[in-house]
Amino acid sequence: MAKSRNTRRERDADAVVEPVDGGLAQLVPDRDRARAWTLLIDGAPQSHVDLDDPAHLSFEYQRRLGHVIDLVAPPGKPLHVVHLGGGAFTLARYVAATRPRSTQQVVERDAALVQLVRRELPLDPGARIRVRSVDARQGLAKVPDGWADLVLADVFSGARTPAHLTSTEFLDEVRRALKPGGAYAANLADGPPLAHLRGQIATAAARFSELALVADPTVLRGKRFGNAVLVASDLPLPTAELTRRAASDPHPGRVEHGRALTDFTGGAVPVVDASAVASPAPPPSVFR
């Protein structure tokens, strides 16, 4: 539930605190990096940005999405990228830093959050980044057919992925926007018994021929709530290099694909609009 717009905006040496459409936003400085900040919404960490080093990815799931960005095309090749969910534009900044001359569209529904981030953490004026403040699926519908090399989905409302972004109909829109052989990657969150995650894998498998999943092994074993990055394409995915990179991260991840991923899905069926529900809410302990 959004906080009242009458909430007092505060700024001190430690943080910027301001109400946005999705709750109370905080920009908290990183004590170890001079111009780095963490964005929280209602206490839940959303993004980390280093203005001096936009290629630095601090959050575990963002590093994994960064690996996808690195591997979907030869190094440095400019891409057309659609970001569903903007946060502090961390991944858009990463693409602009690592693949100059890329053209990007960011769809972030929270217009007040966009204004806050633009003001406090301004984008490089030379970056080709357009931001639309509309619902993710509505914004995706505005992307021309076959425009995108990569669609990245990282959309949470109240720490849950909205139901209408979990269905085969949603992925039909993703496929329409992608170039032939383009890639889709989504940040998903789930905990035991992993029913949401299994359903999302089955949904992607109904629309793409090649899938891979990257997550902490304890999440995959259903031991705790956490993030998983799902990657999908109709072309073979660079699973060997993705596996190597994920394993060498500060918080090592495991990559599942092929038969192992099919077995992990455990007979889950694709999600459709008529029966879609939001992803499960994380337990309070996740953000403590």
Protein backbone atom coordinates (compact mmCIF):
# COMPACT_ATOMS: atom_id res chain seq x y z
CA MET A 1 0.00 0.00 0.00
CA ALA A 2 1.40 3.40 -0.97
CA LYS A 3 2.32 5.79 1.79
CA SER A 4 0.59 9.14 2.12
CA ARG A 5 2.05 11.91 -0.02
CA ASN A 6 1.90 14.05 3.12
CA THR A 7 4.75 12.06 4.62
CA ARG A 8 7.59 14.47 5.31
CA ARG A 9 10.53 14.24 2.94
CA GLU A 10 13.77 14.01 4.85
CA ARG A 11 17.39 14.30 3.90
CA ASP A 12 20.38 14.05 6.17
CA ALA A 13 23.96 12.92 5.96
CA ASP A 14 22.92 9.28 5.97
CA ALA A 15 19.94 8.88 3.64
CA VAL A 16 17.29 10.39 1.41
CA VAL A 17 13.79 9.35 2.53
CA GLU A 18 10.79 10.17 0.36
CA PRO A 19 7.30 8.76 -0.27
CA VAL A 20 6.78 7.29 -3.74
CA ASP A 21 3.79 5.59 -5.31
CA GLY A 22 4.87 2.14 -4.10
CA GLY A 23 5.71 3.03 -0.51
CA LEU A 24 8.45 4.84 1.37
CA ALA A 25 11.69 5.03 -0.60
CA GLN A 26 15.09 5.29 1.04
CA LEU A 27 18.39 5.97 -0.67
CA VAL A 28 21.06 4.82 1.76
CA PRO A 29 24.75 5.55 1.08
CA ASP A 30 27.22 2.70 0.76
CA ARG A 31 29.89 3.23 3.40
CA ASP A 32 32.49 1.42 1.28
CA ARG A 33 31.93 3.28 -1.99
CA ALA A 34 32.02 7.06 -2.24
CA ARG A 35 29.10 7.57 -4.65
CA ALA A 36 27.16 4.34 -4.24
CA TRP A 37 23.62 4.00 -2.90
CA THR A 38 21.12 1.31 -2.02
CA LEU A 39 17.45 1.88 -2.82
CA LEU A 40 14.91 0.41 -0.39
CA ILE A 41 11.12 0.51 -0.66
CA ASP A 42 9.33 0.02 2.65
CA GLY A 43 12.54 -1.45 4.02
CA ALA A 44 13.01 -4.03 1.23
CA PRO A 45 16.25 -3.63 -0.76
CA GLN A 46 15.51 -2.95 -4.44
CA SER A 47 18.68 -1.74 -6.15
CA HIS A 48 22.31 -0.79 -5.61
CA VAL A 49 23.99 1.83 -7.80
CA ASP A 50 27.59 3.04 -7.92
CA LEU A 51 27.63 6.28 -9.90
CA ASP A 52 31.41 6.11 -10.24
CA ASP A 53 31.37 2.50 -11.42
CA PRO A 54 28.03 1.58 -13.03
CA ALA A 55 29.51 -1.77 -14.11
CA HIS A 56 29.69 -2.79 -10.44
CA LEU A 57 26.76 -5.05 -9.51
CA SER A 58 26.41 -5.63 -5.78
CA PHE A 59 23.17 -7.60 -5.46
CA GLU A 60 23.37 -11.33 -6.09
CA TYR A 61 20.50 -11.51 -8.57
CA GLN A 62 21.70 -8.41 -10.43
CA ARG A 63 25.12 -10.01 -10.90
CA ARG A 64 23.40 -13.02 -12.46
CA LEU A 65 21.39 -10.81 -14.79
CA GLY A 66 24.65 -9.03 -15.57
CA HIS A 67 26.13 -12.35 -16.67
CA VAL A 68 23.19 -12.79 -19.03
CA ILE A 69 23.75 -9.31 -20.45
CA ASP A 70 27.43 -10.14 -20.98
CA LEU A 71 26.76 -13.45 -22.71
CA VAL A 72 23.81 -12.80 -25.05
CA ALA A 73 26.05 -11.11 -27.64
CA PRO A 74 29.76 -10.58 -28.30
CA PRO A 75 31.44 -8.27 -25.76
CA GLY A 76 30.77 -4.59 -26.34
CA LYS A 77 28.16 -5.10 -29.06
CA PRO A 78 25.35 -2.54 -28.70
CA LEU A 79 21.96 -4.04 -27.88
CA HIS A 80 18.33 -3.04 -27.89
CA VAL A 81 17.16 -3.81 -24.35
CA VAL A 82 13.76 -3.56 -22.64
CA HIS A 83 13.78 -3.37 -18.84
CA LEU A 84 10.46 -4.19 -17.18
CA GLY A 85 10.90 -2.66 -13.73
CA GLY A 86 13.39 0.13 -13.27
CA GLY A 87 14.27 0.55 -9.61
CA ALA A 88 17.36 2.75 -9.60
CA PHE A 89 18.12 1.79 -13.24
CA THR A 90 21.05 -0.38 -12.13
CA LEU A 91 20.97 -2.77 -15.08
CA ALA A 92 20.27 -0.05 -17.63
CA ARG A 93 23.37 1.76 -16.35
CA TYR A 94 25.30 -1.52 -16.57
CA VAL A 95 24.32 -2.04 -20.20
CA ALA A 96 25.23 1.57 -21.05
CA ALA A 97 28.67 1.14 -19.40
CA THR A 98 29.52 -2.28 -20.84
CA ARG A 99 27.83 -1.96 -24.23
CA PRO A 100 28.10 1.70 -25.34
CA ARG A 101 25.63 2.91 -27.98
CA SER A 102 22.99 0.46 -26.78
CA THR A 103 19.42 1.70 -26.99
CA GLN A 104 17.25 0.93 -23.98
CA GLN A 105 13.67 1.29 -22.85
CA VAL A 106 12.89 1.18 -19.13
CA VAL A 107 9.30 0.61 -18.03
CA GLU A 108 8.79 1.63 -14.39
CA ARG A 109 5.23 2.21 -13.21
CA ASP A 110 6.19 4.28 -10.14
CA ALA A 111 6.47 7.79 -11.58
CA ALA A 112 7.44 9.30 -8.21
CA LEU A 113 10.26 6.79 -7.86
CA VAL A 114 11.50 7.63 -11.36
CA GLN A 115 11.58 11.32 -10.42
CA LEU A 116 13.47 10.57 -7.19
CA VAL A 117 16.08 8.43 -8.91
CA ARG A 118 16.55 10.87 -11.79
CA ARG A 119 17.10 13.70 -9.32
CA GLU A 120 19.35 11.99 -6.79
CA LEU A 121 21.11 9.42 -9.01
CA PRO A 122 21.09 11.04 -12.45
CA LEU A 123 21.64 8.97 -15.55
CA ASP A 124 24.58 9.66 -17.85
CA PRO A 125 23.18 12.23 -20.30
CA GLY A 126 24.91 10.37 -23.15
CA ALA A 127 23.17 7.09 -22.42
CA ARG A 128 20.39 6.12 -24.80
CA ILE A 129 17.84 5.28 -22.11
CA ARG A 130 14.15 6.11 -22.39
CA VAL A 131 11.98 5.72 -19.30
CA ARG A 132 8.22 5.17 -19.41
CA SER A 133 6.13 5.43 -16.23
CA VAL A 134 3.41 2.90 -17.06
CA ASP A 135 2.49 -0.66 -16.10
CA ALA A 136 5.07 -3.18 -17.32
CA ARG A 137 2.73 -5.08 -19.62
CA GLN A 138 1.27 -1.87 -21.04
CA GLY A 139 4.76 -0.55 -21.68
CA LEU A 140 5.83 -3.81 -23.28
CA ALA A 141 2.86 -3.56 -25.66
CA LYS A 142 4.32 -0.27 -26.97
CA VAL A 143 7.62 -1.90 -27.97
CA PRO A 144 7.72 -2.46 -31.76
CA ASP A 145 7.58 -6.02 -33.05
CA GLY A 146 11.01 -7.65 -33.18
CA TRP A 147 12.79 -4.64 -31.65
CA ALA A 148 14.58 -6.11 -28.62
CA ASP A 149 17.68 -8.24 -28.38
CA LEU A 150 16.94 -8.74 -24.68
CA VAL A 151 13.95 -8.29 -22.39
CA LEU A 152 14.71 -8.18 -18.67
CA ALA A 153 11.88 -8.52 -16.14
CA ASP A 154 12.42 -7.43 -12.54
CA VAL A 155 9.02 -6.23 -11.41
CA PHE A 156 7.83 -6.34 -7.82
CA SER A 157 4.88 -4.67 -6.14
CA GLY A 158 4.91 -5.03 -2.39
CA ALA A 159 7.79 -7.54 -2.83
CA ARG A 160 5.60 -9.71 -5.09
CA THR A 161 5.61 -10.11 -8.88
CA PRO A 162 2.14 -9.05 -10.14
CA ALA A 163 -0.01 -11.89 -11.47
CA HIS A 164 -0.37 -10.46 -14.99
CA LEU A 165 3.41 -10.72 -15.47
CA THR A 166 3.52 -14.46 -14.84
CA SER A 167 1.43 -15.91 -17.68
CA THR A 168 1.85 -17.38 -21.15
CA GLU A 169 -0.05 -14.38 -22.53
CA PHE A 170 2.56 -12.10 -20.99
CA LEU A 171 5.32 -14.17 -22.57
CA ASP A 172 3.52 -13.93 -25.92
CA GLU A 173 4.05 -10.17 -25.64
CA VAL A 174 7.70 -10.72 -24.72
CA ARG A 175 8.20 -12.94 -27.79
CA ARG A 176 6.50 -10.38 -30.02
CA ALA A 177 8.91 -7.66 -28.86
CA LEU A 178 12.01 -9.85 -29.22
CA LYS A 179 14.07 -10.22 -32.36
CA PRO A 180 14.25 -13.80 -33.68
CA GLY A 181 16.66 -15.58 -31.34
CA GLY A 182 16.48 -12.82 -28.74
CA ALA A 183 16.61 -13.62 -25.03
CA TYR A 184 14.33 -13.11 -22.05
CA ALA A 185 15.55 -13.08 -18.45
CA ALA A 186 13.45 -12.68 -15.32
CA ASN A 187 14.24 -12.20 -11.65
CA LEU A 188 11.90 -14.51 -9.74
CA ALA A 189 11.46 -14.91 -5.99
CA ASP A 190 10.08 -17.92 -4.18
CA GLY A 191 10.48 -20.18 -1.18
CA PRO A 192 9.47 -23.67 -0.17
CA PRO A 193 7.67 -25.53 -1.72
CA LEU A 194 8.78 -23.56 -4.84
CA ALA A 195 5.40 -23.90 -6.55
CA HIS A 196 5.64 -20.41 -8.09
CA LEU A 197 9.14 -21.01 -9.45
CA ARG A 198 8.21 -24.37 -10.95
CA GLY A 199 5.14 -22.82 -12.56
CA GLN A 200 7.21 -20.03 -14.09
CA ILE A 201 9.65 -22.53 -15.58
CA ALA A 202 6.75 -24.48 -17.08
CA THR A 203 5.27 -21.24 -18.44
CA ALA A 204 8.53 -20.25 -20.11
CA ALA A 205 8.96 -23.77 -21.50
CA ALA A 206 5.58 -23.40 -23.22
CA ARG A 207 6.88 -20.41 -25.18
CA PHE A 208 10.68 -20.89 -25.55
CA SER A 209 12.72 -23.92 -26.58
CA GLU A 210 15.83 -23.22 -24.49
CA LEU A 211 15.81 -22.47 -20.75
CA ALA A 212 18.29 -22.08 -17.90
CA LEU A 213 17.83 -21.25 -14.24
CA VAL A 214 20.44 -19.66 -11.96
CA ALA A 215 19.97 -19.67 -8.18
CA ASP A 216 21.58 -20.32 -4.85
CA PRO A 217 21.64 -24.11 -4.26
CA THR A 218 19.81 -23.70 -0.96
CA VAL A 219 16.96 -21.93 -2.77
CA LEU A 220 16.80 -24.70 -5.37
CA ARG A 221 16.63 -27.27 -2.60
CA GLY A 222 13.68 -25.45 -1.06
CA LYS A 223 15.59 -24.60 2.12
CA ARG A 224 14.97 -20.85 2.09
CA PHE A 225 13.23 -18.00 0.28
CA GLY A 226 15.35 -16.32 -2.36
CA ASN A 227 15.85 -15.14 -5.93
CA ALA A 228 16.29 -17.17 -9.08
CA VAL A 229 17.08 -15.87 -12.56
CA LEU A 230 15.26 -17.61 -15.40
CA VAL A 231 16.73 -17.24 -18.90
CA ALA A 232 14.87 -18.23 -22.07
CA SER A 233 15.49 -18.14 -25.81
CA ASP A 234 14.88 -20.13 -28.98
CA LEU A 235 18.64 -20.34 -29.57
CA PRO A 236 21.06 -22.41 -27.47
CA LEU A 237 22.04 -20.58 -24.29
CA PRO A 238 25.67 -20.16 -23.15
CA THR A 239 25.10 -22.48 -20.20
CA ALA A 240 28.74 -23.54 -19.80
CA GLU A 241 30.02 -19.99 -19.39
CA LEU A 242 26.98 -18.98 -17.34
CA THR A 243 27.71 -21.91 -15.02
CA ARG A 244 31.34 -20.88 -14.65
CA ARG A 245 30.47 -17.26 -13.88
CA ALA A 246 27.70 -18.11 -11.43
CA ALA A 247 29.97 -20.53 -9.57
CA SER A 248 32.67 -17.88 -9.19
CA ASP A 249 30.38 -15.18 -7.78
CA PRO A 250 30.84 -14.04 -4.15
CA HIS A 251 27.62 -15.97 -3.43
CA PRO A 252 27.99 -18.94 -5.79
CA GLY A 253 24.98 -19.96 -7.82
CA ARG A 254 24.03 -23.16 -9.58
CA VAL A 255 22.76 -23.39 -13.15
CA GLU A 256 20.09 -25.91 -14.09
CA HIS A 257 19.12 -26.60 -17.72
CA GLY A 258 18.03 -29.40 -20.01
CA ARG A 259 16.68 -32.57 -18.46
CA ALA A 260 17.66 -31.54 -14.93
CA LEU A 261 15.55 -28.39 -15.22
CA THR A 262 12.64 -30.35 -16.65
CA ASP A 263 12.85 -32.77 -13.72
CA PHE A 264 13.03 -29.84 -11.28
CA THR A 265 9.76 -28.47 -12.71
CA GLY A 266 8.08 -31.63 -11.43
CA GLY A 267 5.06 -31.65 -13.70
CA ALA A 268 4.02 -28.04 -13.07
CA VAL A 269 1.69 -26.64 -15.72
CA PRO A 270 1.94 -23.29 -17.55
CA VAL A 271 0.27 -20.28 -15.96
CA VAL A 272 -2.42 -18.43 -17.94
CA ASP A 273 -4.02 -15.06 -17.32
CA ALA A 274 -7.27 -16.56 -16.10
CA SER A 275 -5.62 -18.40 -13.21
CA ALA A 276 -2.49 -16.31 -12.57
CA VAL A 277 -1.67 -15.16 -9.05
CA ALA A 278 1.09 -12.93 -7.72
CA SER A 279 4.30 -14.51 -6.51
CA PRO A 280 4.37 -15.37 -2.79
CA ALA A 281 5.25 -12.68 -0.28
CA PRO A 282 8.66 -13.14 1.31
CA PRO A 283 8.72 -13.99 5.01
CA PRO A 284 9.54 -11.02 7.27
CA SER A 285 12.88 -12.58 8.20
CA VAL A 286 14.19 -12.08 4.63
CA PHE A 287 14.76 -8.35 5.15
CA ARG A 288 16.00 -8.43 8.73
